[in-house]
Amino acid sequence: MDKKEQSAAKSTEASPKSLPIAERGINTGPEFASLMSAMMTDLIAGRITPNIANATCNAAGKLLKVVEMQHKYGKTAAVAPENVLKLTG
């Protein structure tokens, strides 16, 4: 087996389990929990680097802050739909 075949086989085996979850998007609490759980598993298994995990956790913290602000300061969609913070389009 040459180096290209070894690299291809290794990249297939080392595919992060959290990637498909992230690509679908995070719109609900259970999706967020699934992503974070899969990321922890990927990190421990060495499928993602600590830098990627750190960046993802920082972004996740900001996402949670948006949800917190929406809950605290947002208005209901019936009152002012254009002012409600949305996580996705």
Protein backbone atom coordinates (compact mmCIF):
# COMPACT_ATOMS: atom_id res chain seq x y z
CA MET A 1 0.00 0.00 0.00
CA ASP A 2 1.52 3.32 -1.04
CA LYS A 3 1.42 6.55 0.96
CA LYS A 4 -1.64 7.93 -0.85
CA GLU A 5 -3.66 4.78 -0.13
CA GLN A 6 -2.56 4.82 3.51
CA SER A 7 -3.50 8.48 3.82
CA ALA A 8 -6.93 7.87 2.25
CA ALA A 9 -7.60 4.89 4.51
CA LYS A 10 -6.47 6.82 7.59
CA SER A 11 -8.62 9.86 6.75
CA THR A 12 -11.69 7.62 6.29
CA GLU A 13 -11.12 5.97 9.67
CA ALA A 14 -10.43 9.28 11.37
CA SER A 15 -13.50 11.11 10.10
CA PRO A 16 -14.95 13.14 12.99
CA LYS A 17 -18.36 11.94 14.19
CA SER A 18 -19.30 15.53 15.06
CA LEU A 19 -18.88 16.82 11.50
CA PRO A 20 -22.20 15.57 10.07
CA ILE A 21 -24.03 16.99 13.10
CA ALA A 22 -22.37 20.38 12.64
CA GLU A 23 -23.04 20.40 8.89
CA ARG A 24 -26.78 19.89 9.48
CA GLY A 25 -26.77 22.96 11.72
CA ILE A 26 -27.59 23.48 15.36
CA ASN A 27 -31.16 24.65 15.91
CA THR A 28 -32.30 22.93 19.10
CA GLY A 29 -30.99 22.01 22.51
CA PRO A 30 -30.78 18.28 21.72
CA GLU A 31 -28.80 19.02 18.55
CA PHE A 32 -26.42 21.18 20.57
CA ALA A 33 -25.98 18.42 23.14
CA SER A 34 -25.37 15.83 20.40
CA LEU A 35 -22.72 18.01 18.79
CA MET A 36 -20.89 18.65 22.04
CA SER A 37 -21.03 14.98 23.02
CA ALA A 38 -19.71 13.88 19.63
CA MET A 39 -16.99 16.53 19.81
CA MET A 40 -15.81 15.29 23.19
CA THR A 41 -15.62 11.77 21.78
CA ASP A 42 -13.77 13.00 18.68
CA LEU A 43 -11.30 14.96 20.80
CA ILE A 44 -10.57 12.03 23.10
CA ALA A 45 -10.19 9.69 20.11
CA GLY A 46 -7.84 12.12 18.40
CA ARG A 47 -10.12 12.69 15.40
CA ILE A 48 -10.06 16.47 15.90
CA THR A 49 -7.32 18.76 17.15
CA PRO A 50 -7.52 20.67 20.42
CA ASN A 51 -7.51 23.93 18.42
CA ILE A 52 -10.62 22.91 16.48
CA ALA A 53 -12.34 21.78 19.67
CA ASN A 54 -11.45 25.05 21.38
CA ALA A 55 -12.72 27.18 18.50
CA THR A 56 -15.94 25.17 18.34
CA CYS A 57 -16.49 25.51 22.09
CA ASN A 58 -15.93 29.26 21.89
CA ALA A 59 -18.48 29.55 19.07
CA ALA A 60 -20.90 27.33 21.01
CA GLY A 61 -20.60 29.60 24.03
CA LYS A 62 -21.49 32.59 21.88
CA LEU A 63 -24.45 30.72 20.44
CA LEU A 64 -25.70 29.99 23.95
CA LYS A 65 -25.27 33.68 24.81
CA VAL A 66 -27.48 34.61 21.84
CA VAL A 67 -30.15 32.18 23.04
CA GLU A 68 -29.88 33.63 26.56
CA MET A 69 -30.27 37.19 25.23
CA GLN A 70 -33.19 36.13 23.07
CA HIS A 71 -34.90 34.61 26.07
CA LYS A 72 -34.16 37.58 28.31
CA TYR A 73 -34.77 40.49 25.91
CA GLY A 74 -36.61 39.08 22.91
CA LYS A 75 -40.21 39.79 22.13
CA THR A 76 -42.70 37.18 21.05
CA ALA A 77 -43.08 36.61 17.32
CA ALA A 78 -46.75 37.66 17.47
CA VAL A 79 -45.76 41.10 18.79
CA ALA A 80 -42.71 41.92 16.69
CA PRO A 81 -41.48 39.12 14.41
CA GLU A 82 -38.74 41.28 12.87
CA ASN A 83 -37.18 41.87 16.31
CA VAL A 84 -36.94 38.22 17.38
CA LEU A 85 -33.42 36.85 17.29
CA LYS A 86 -33.16 33.81 15.05
CA LEU A 87 -30.46 31.18 15.08
CA THR A 88 -31.18 30.09 11.52
CA GLY A 89 -32.88 31.53 8.49
